């Protein structure tokens, strides 16, 4: 990443006003304070937009404080270096001081004012912003229970657990994606799916499931999900949408598929799509790209690779014969 960055395309600034505007455009309106008092800033900012989820890499190059009300969105700030000192202002109770270092992330709740009292000059942060309506809706679907308003999230998350490391690896990889020359993440089959994956993984990491989610799923309930996938395999199914067919939580759906079928919902969906695609390949109804798009594969190359692994030859071979 270069030291010259701006919102969305990897450019930047050493000017305070420009830096303030760039970060506000990517995340939230905020009050910015120069703690060093020397008027110097070396903003480094790069963001990837996935619709309802924004993932950014951000450092200021100087000590700053940031005050924000987090209107309409939740945010997780994860230091990759340095220290992030924060102070929350809960509706009830004492003010809480939080210090996040690499391996921990600070969580800000939509509509709740909070203060980053010190963002150190050496603090390089991955910031993940979730639109409030999106995160709350996905929480309902992931946990199969109504959240009834703002989510109750921990003020800090431990990313040193297995689930935490996995989620951090995902958002770190996405934060480095280049938008040129082909903006794959803008594809409606890709961006929203990735946003849902990032969101569901975060919710599974931070939120306990409702008590009644521990009840085992019966085989006929699993069959209800299978019937939905069979009825419309080309639909861009997310795990949360599959779980809503049961209805149950994403975690319980995965456990039920493992228990009753010995596999995962996404593998079952892929197999259904491949079986439908094979019929079209053998009938010669379209090109490889046509068939891939018809059955919900994100690209012709991914479809061809999956087809070859399953059937021992690429689809183009059968189409030529």
Protein backbone atom coordinates (compact mmCIF):
# COMPACT_ATOMS: atom_id res chain seq x y z
CA UNK A 1 0.00 0.00 0.00
CA UNK A 2 1.36 3.40 -0.83
CA UNK A 3 1.39 6.34 1.54
CA UNK A 4 -0.78 8.32 -0.86
CA UNK A 5 -4.34 7.14 -0.46
CA UNK A 6 -7.92 8.29 -0.74
CA UNK A 7 -11.33 6.82 -0.10
CA UNK A 8 -11.96 3.78 -2.23
CA UNK A 9 -9.04 3.91 -4.62
CA UNK A 10 -5.90 3.90 -2.48
CA UNK A 11 -4.86 7.58 -2.54
CA UNK A 12 -4.41 9.93 0.44
CA UNK A 13 -3.20 13.16 1.92
CA UNK A 14 -0.93 14.98 4.37
CA UNK A 15 -3.49 17.79 4.76
CA UNK A 16 -5.70 17.76 7.89
CA UNK A 17 -8.90 18.92 6.19
CA UNK A 18 -8.52 16.51 3.29
CA UNK A 19 -7.73 13.65 5.69
CA UNK A 20 -10.78 14.49 7.80
CA UNK A 21 -13.07 14.55 4.76
CA UNK A 22 -11.69 11.30 3.30
CA UNK A 23 -12.25 9.32 6.51
CA UNK A 24 -15.69 10.86 7.06
CA UNK A 25 -16.71 9.86 3.53
CA UNK A 26 -15.56 6.28 4.04
CA UNK A 27 -16.90 5.82 7.58
CA UNK A 28 -18.70 8.51 9.63
CA UNK A 29 -18.80 12.23 10.35
CA UNK A 30 -16.52 12.76 13.35
CA UNK A 31 -14.60 15.23 15.46
CA UNK A 32 -10.84 14.90 14.89
CA UNK A 33 -8.25 16.16 17.36
CA UNK A 34 -4.49 16.45 16.79
CA UNK A 35 -2.96 15.15 20.04
CA UNK A 36 0.62 15.88 18.99
CA UNK A 37 -0.31 19.49 18.26
CA UNK A 38 2.21 19.84 15.44
CA UNK A 39 -0.33 19.97 12.63
CA UNK A 40 1.25 17.02 10.80
CA UNK A 41 -0.72 14.11 9.39
CA UNK A 42 0.23 11.26 7.07
CA UNK A 43 -3.09 9.58 6.30
CA UNK A 44 -3.05 6.11 4.75
CA UNK A 45 -6.54 4.95 3.74
CA UNK A 46 -7.82 2.22 1.47
CA UNK A 47 -11.37 0.87 1.51
CA UNK A 48 -13.27 -1.98 -0.11
CA UNK A 49 -17.06 -1.55 -0.35
CA UNK A 50 -19.28 -4.64 -0.30
CA UNK A 51 -22.62 -2.87 -0.19
CA UNK A 52 -23.73 -3.03 3.45
CA UNK A 53 -20.20 -3.76 4.66
CA UNK A 54 -17.13 -1.52 4.30
CA UNK A 55 -13.66 -2.86 5.06
CA UNK A 56 -10.81 -0.38 5.30
CA UNK A 57 -7.15 -0.14 6.22
CA UNK A 58 -6.35 3.12 7.98
CA UNK A 59 -3.50 4.86 9.80
CA UNK A 60 -3.02 8.55 10.61
CA UNK A 61 0.76 8.72 11.04
CA UNK A 62 0.31 10.88 14.15
CA UNK A 63 -1.49 10.63 17.49
CA UNK A 64 -5.15 11.60 17.13
CA UNK A 65 -8.43 11.45 19.06
CA UNK A 66 -11.74 10.82 17.28
CA UNK A 67 -15.22 11.40 18.66
CA UNK A 68 -18.19 9.90 16.81
CA UNK A 69 -21.84 8.97 17.40
CA UNK A 70 -21.75 6.06 14.90
CA UNK A 71 -25.01 6.97 13.17
CA UNK A 72 -26.72 4.05 11.43
CA UNK A 73 -23.85 1.58 11.59
CA UNK A 74 -21.73 -0.63 13.83
CA UNK A 75 -17.95 -0.66 13.56
CA UNK A 76 -15.09 -2.92 14.60
CA UNK A 77 -11.59 -1.35 14.74
CA UNK A 78 -8.74 -3.87 14.84
CA UNK A 79 -5.16 -2.66 15.36
CA UNK A 80 -2.54 -4.51 13.35
CA UNK A 81 0.12 -2.46 15.16
CA UNK A 82 0.18 0.19 17.86
CA UNK A 83 -2.58 0.90 20.38
CA UNK A 84 -6.17 2.10 20.21
CA UNK A 85 -7.51 3.71 23.42
CA UNK A 86 -11.30 4.11 23.51
CA UNK A 87 -13.92 5.36 25.94
CA UNK A 88 -17.54 4.30 25.56
CA UNK A 89 -20.53 6.26 26.84
CA UNK A 90 -23.21 3.68 27.66
CA UNK A 91 -26.77 4.78 28.37
CA UNK A 92 -26.40 3.41 31.89
CA UNK A 93 -23.41 2.73 34.08
CA UNK A 94 -19.88 4.05 34.29
CA UNK A 95 -17.74 5.14 31.37
CA UNK A 96 -15.56 2.24 30.19
CA UNK A 97 -11.94 2.59 29.09
CA UNK A 98 -10.79 0.04 26.51
CA UNK A 99 -7.31 -0.49 25.08
CA UNK A 100 -7.03 -2.64 21.95
CA UNK A 101 -3.71 -3.93 20.64
CA UNK A 102 -3.01 -6.51 17.89
CA UNK A 103 -5.22 -9.53 18.57
CA UNK A 104 -8.11 -7.49 19.97
CA UNK A 105 -10.72 -5.28 18.33
CA UNK A 106 -12.85 -2.42 19.66
CA UNK A 107 -16.58 -2.60 18.87
CA UNK A 108 -18.77 0.50 18.52
CA UNK A 109 -22.56 0.25 18.58
CA UNK A 110 -24.85 2.15 16.22
CA UNK A 111 -26.20 5.34 17.72
CA UNK A 112 -24.02 5.17 20.86
CA UNK A 113 -21.45 7.98 21.14
CA UNK A 114 -17.91 6.86 21.84
CA UNK A 115 -14.49 8.43 21.92
CA UNK A 116 -11.24 7.07 20.56
CA UNK A 117 -9.18 8.94 23.13
CA UNK A 118 -5.85 8.02 21.54
CA UNK A 119 -5.05 6.45 18.18
CA UNK A 120 -1.27 6.15 18.30
CA UNK A 121 0.91 7.29 15.41
CA UNK A 122 2.10 3.72 14.80
CA UNK A 123 -1.44 2.26 14.91
CA UNK A 124 -2.47 0.64 11.63
CA UNK A 125 -6.14 -0.40 11.83
CA UNK A 126 -8.52 -2.58 9.85
CA UNK A 127 -11.94 -1.01 10.30
CA UNK A 128 -15.06 -3.00 9.44
CA UNK A 129 -18.29 -1.01 9.20
CA UNK A 130 -21.67 -2.79 9.13
CA UNK A 131 -24.83 -0.90 8.18
CA UNK A 132 -27.08 -1.24 11.22
CA UNK A 133 -30.13 -2.60 9.40
CA UNK A 134 -27.98 -5.19 7.62
CA UNK A 135 -26.22 -6.43 10.77
CA UNK A 136 -29.45 -6.57 12.78
CA UNK A 137 -31.28 -8.41 9.98
CA UNK A 138 -28.47 -10.92 9.60
CA UNK A 139 -28.41 -11.42 13.39
CA UNK A 140 -32.09 -12.37 13.23
CA UNK A 141 -31.34 -14.91 10.51
CA UNK A 142 -28.07 -16.28 11.87
CA UNK A 143 -29.48 -16.83 15.36
CA UNK A 144 -33.09 -17.51 14.26
CA UNK A 145 -34.37 -15.03 16.84
CA UNK A 146 -35.54 -11.40 16.80
CA UNK A 147 -32.95 -8.92 18.06
CA UNK A 148 -35.66 -6.31 18.79
CA UNK A 149 -33.63 -3.20 18.17
CA UNK A 150 -29.95 -2.50 18.66
CA UNK A 151 -27.71 -5.51 19.12
CA UNK A 152 -25.97 -6.07 22.42
CA UNK A 153 -22.36 -6.59 21.38
CA UNK A 154 -19.20 -6.86 23.47
CA UNK A 155 -17.17 -3.65 23.60
CA UNK A 156 -14.05 -5.61 22.69
CA UNK A 157 -13.52 -8.86 20.78
CA UNK A 158 -10.68 -11.35 21.17
CA UNK A 159 -9.30 -12.24 17.75
CA UNK A 160 -6.80 -14.76 19.10
CA UNK A 161 -9.39 -17.53 19.23
CA UNK A 162 -9.80 -19.93 16.29
CA UNK A 163 -12.98 -18.17 15.14
CA UNK A 164 -11.43 -14.76 15.72
CA UNK A 165 -8.31 -15.53 13.70
CA UNK A 166 -10.40 -16.98 10.89
CA UNK A 167 -12.59 -13.86 10.70
CA UNK A 168 -9.59 -11.52 10.89
CA UNK A 169 -7.84 -13.44 8.09
CA UNK A 170 -10.96 -13.04 5.93
CA UNK A 171 -11.33 -9.28 6.41
CA UNK A 172 -7.57 -8.74 6.10
CA UNK A 173 -7.53 -10.54 2.76
CA UNK A 174 -10.49 -8.51 1.52
CA UNK A 175 -8.90 -5.24 2.66
CA UNK A 176 -6.01 -5.81 0.26
CA UNK A 177 -8.14 -6.40 -2.83
CA UNK A 178 -7.32 -4.14 -5.75
CA UNK A 179 -10.27 -2.70 -7.70
CA UNK A 180 -8.39 -2.51 -11.00
CA UNK A 181 -8.38 -3.60 -13.75
CA UNK A 182 -11.47 -5.79 -13.10
CA UNK A 183 -13.75 -4.88 -10.20
CA UNK A 184 -14.85 -8.41 -9.30
CA UNK A 185 -16.20 -7.28 -5.93
CA UNK A 186 -18.75 -5.05 -7.69
CA UNK A 187 -20.30 -8.12 -9.32
CA UNK A 188 -23.78 -8.66 -7.76
CA UNK A 189 -22.99 -12.37 -7.45
CA UNK A 190 -19.82 -11.65 -5.46
CA UNK A 191 -19.97 -8.47 -3.32
CA UNK A 192 -23.24 -9.15 -1.43
CA UNK A 193 -22.25 -12.77 -0.84
CA UNK A 194 -18.94 -11.69 0.66
CA UNK A 195 -20.70 -9.08 2.80
CA UNK A 196 -23.04 -11.75 4.15
CA UNK A 197 -20.12 -14.11 4.80
CA UNK A 198 -18.19 -11.43 6.71
CA UNK A 199 -21.30 -10.53 8.71
CA UNK A 200 -22.36 -14.09 9.55
CA UNK A 201 -18.83 -15.04 10.62
CA UNK A 202 -18.65 -11.97 12.87
CA UNK A 203 -22.01 -12.73 14.49
CA UNK A 204 -21.07 -16.35 15.11
CA UNK A 205 -17.82 -15.17 16.67
CA UNK A 206 -19.30 -12.60 19.08
CA UNK A 207 -22.85 -13.68 19.82
CA UNK A 208 -24.19 -16.60 21.84
CA UNK A 209 -27.15 -18.38 20.32
CA UNK A 210 -30.59 -18.33 21.95
CA UNK A 211 -31.20 -21.09 24.48
CA UNK A 212 -33.75 -22.88 22.31
CA UNK A 213 -31.25 -23.07 19.41
CA UNK A 214 -29.62 -26.02 21.20
CA UNK A 215 -32.53 -28.28 20.30
CA UNK A 216 -31.46 -30.81 17.65
CA UNK A 217 -32.87 -30.55 14.16
CA UNK A 218 -34.87 -33.54 12.97
CA UNK A 219 -34.13 -35.10 9.58
CA UNK A 220 -37.39 -33.83 8.10
CA UNK A 221 -36.40 -30.27 9.03
CA UNK A 222 -33.10 -30.74 7.20
CA UNK A 223 -35.12 -32.08 4.26
CA UNK A 224 -37.08 -28.82 4.20
CA UNK A 225 -33.82 -26.97 3.52
CA UNK A 226 -32.80 -29.55 0.91
CA UNK A 227 -36.16 -29.14 -0.85
CA UNK A 228 -35.66 -25.37 -1.01
CA UNK A 229 -32.19 -25.79 -2.53
CA UNK A 230 -33.46 -28.33 -5.04
CA UNK A 231 -36.34 -26.05 -6.00
CA UNK A 232 -34.10 -23.07 -6.79
CA UNK A 233 -30.40 -23.98 -6.90
CA UNK A 234 -29.54 -20.96 -9.07
CA UNK A 235 -30.57 -18.58 -6.30
CA UNK A 236 -27.53 -16.91 -4.65
CA UNK A 237 -28.16 -18.71 -1.37
CA UNK A 238 -26.45 -17.56 1.80
CA UNK A 239 -26.17 -19.77 4.88
CA UNK A 240 -28.52 -17.41 6.73
CA UNK A 241 -31.16 -17.82 4.01
CA UNK A 242 -30.79 -21.59 4.14
CA UNK A 243 -31.17 -21.57 7.93
CA UNK A 244 -34.32 -19.45 7.63
CA UNK A 245 -35.95 -22.30 5.69
CA UNK A 246 -35.73 -24.58 8.78
CA UNK A 247 -36.03 -22.17 10.67
CA UNK A 248 -32.93 -22.39 12.84
CA UNK A 249 -29.56 -20.72 13.36
CA UNK A 250 -26.67 -21.01 10.93
CA UNK A 251 -24.59 -22.93 13.46
CA UNK A 252 -27.36 -25.46 14.13
CA UNK A 253 -27.97 -25.89 10.40
CA UNK A 254 -24.30 -26.70 9.84
CA UNK A 255 -24.31 -29.15 12.75
CA UNK A 256 -27.50 -30.82 11.49
CA UNK A 257 -26.13 -31.29 7.96
CA UNK A 258 -22.96 -32.78 9.41
CA UNK A 259 -24.94 -35.11 11.69
CA UNK A 260 -27.55 -36.29 9.20
CA UNK A 261 -25.74 -35.97 5.85
CA UNK A 262 -22.06 -35.96 6.74
CA UNK A 263 -21.43 -32.77 4.78
CA UNK A 264 -22.12 -29.02 4.75
CA UNK A 265 -25.01 -27.00 3.26
CA UNK A 266 -22.69 -25.24 0.80
CA UNK A 267 -21.28 -28.53 -0.48
CA UNK A 268 -24.82 -29.87 -0.96
CA UNK A 269 -25.78 -26.73 -2.90
CA UNK A 270 -22.69 -27.03 -5.10
CA UNK A 271 -23.48 -30.68 -5.83
CA UNK A 272 -27.06 -29.85 -6.80
CA UNK A 273 -25.85 -27.11 -9.12
CA UNK A 274 -23.26 -29.41 -10.70
CA UNK A 275 -25.87 -32.11 -11.35
CA UNK A 276 -28.18 -29.60 -13.07
CA UNK A 277 -25.27 -28.15 -15.03
CA UNK A 278 -24.16 -31.61 -16.17
CA UNK A 279 -27.55 -32.21 -17.76
CA UNK A 280 -27.20 -28.97 -19.70
CA UNK A 281 -23.62 -29.78 -20.70
CA UNK A 282 -24.60 -33.20 -22.02
CA UNK A 283 -27.57 -31.68 -23.85
CA UNK A 284 -25.34 -28.95 -25.31
CA UNK A 285 -27.64 -26.16 -24.15
CA UNK A 286 -25.30 -23.17 -24.18
CA UNK A 287 -21.65 -22.34 -23.64
CA UNK A 288 -19.68 -23.06 -20.47
CA UNK A 289 -20.24 -19.46 -19.41
CA UNK A 290 -23.97 -19.66 -20.12
CA UNK A 291 -24.37 -22.81 -18.06
CA UNK A 292 -22.24 -21.48 -15.20
CA UNK A 293 -24.40 -18.33 -14.94
CA UNK A 294 -27.64 -20.32 -15.29
CA UNK A 295 -26.87 -22.41 -12.21
CA UNK A 296 -25.44 -19.76 -9.92
CA UNK A 297 -21.68 -20.25 -10.29
CA UNK A 298 -19.78 -16.98 -9.78
CA UNK A 299 -17.57 -17.53 -12.82
CA UNK A 300 -17.08 -19.91 -15.74
CA UNK A 301 -13.58 -20.82 -14.53
CA UNK A 302 -14.79 -21.79 -11.05
CA UNK A 303 -17.59 -23.83 -12.59
CA UNK A 304 -15.20 -25.60 -14.97
CA UNK A 305 -12.79 -26.43 -12.14
CA UNK A 306 -15.57 -27.84 -9.93
CA UNK A 307 -17.00 -29.78 -12.86
CA UNK A 308 -13.65 -31.34 -13.65
CA UNK A 309 -13.04 -32.35 -10.03
CA UNK A 310 -16.44 -34.02 -9.90
CA UNK A 311 -16.68 -35.68 -13.31
CA UNK A 312 -13.03 -36.11 -14.33
CA UNK A 313 -13.10 -33.88 -17.42
CA UNK A 314 -13.87 -30.22 -18.15
CA UNK A 315 -17.35 -29.29 -19.41
CA UNK A 316 -15.90 -28.03 -22.68
CA UNK A 317 -14.92 -31.59 -23.59
CA UNK A 318 -18.51 -32.80 -23.38
CA UNK A 319 -19.81 -29.74 -25.21
CA UNK A 320 -17.45 -30.42 -28.15
CA UNK A 321 -18.37 -34.08 -28.43
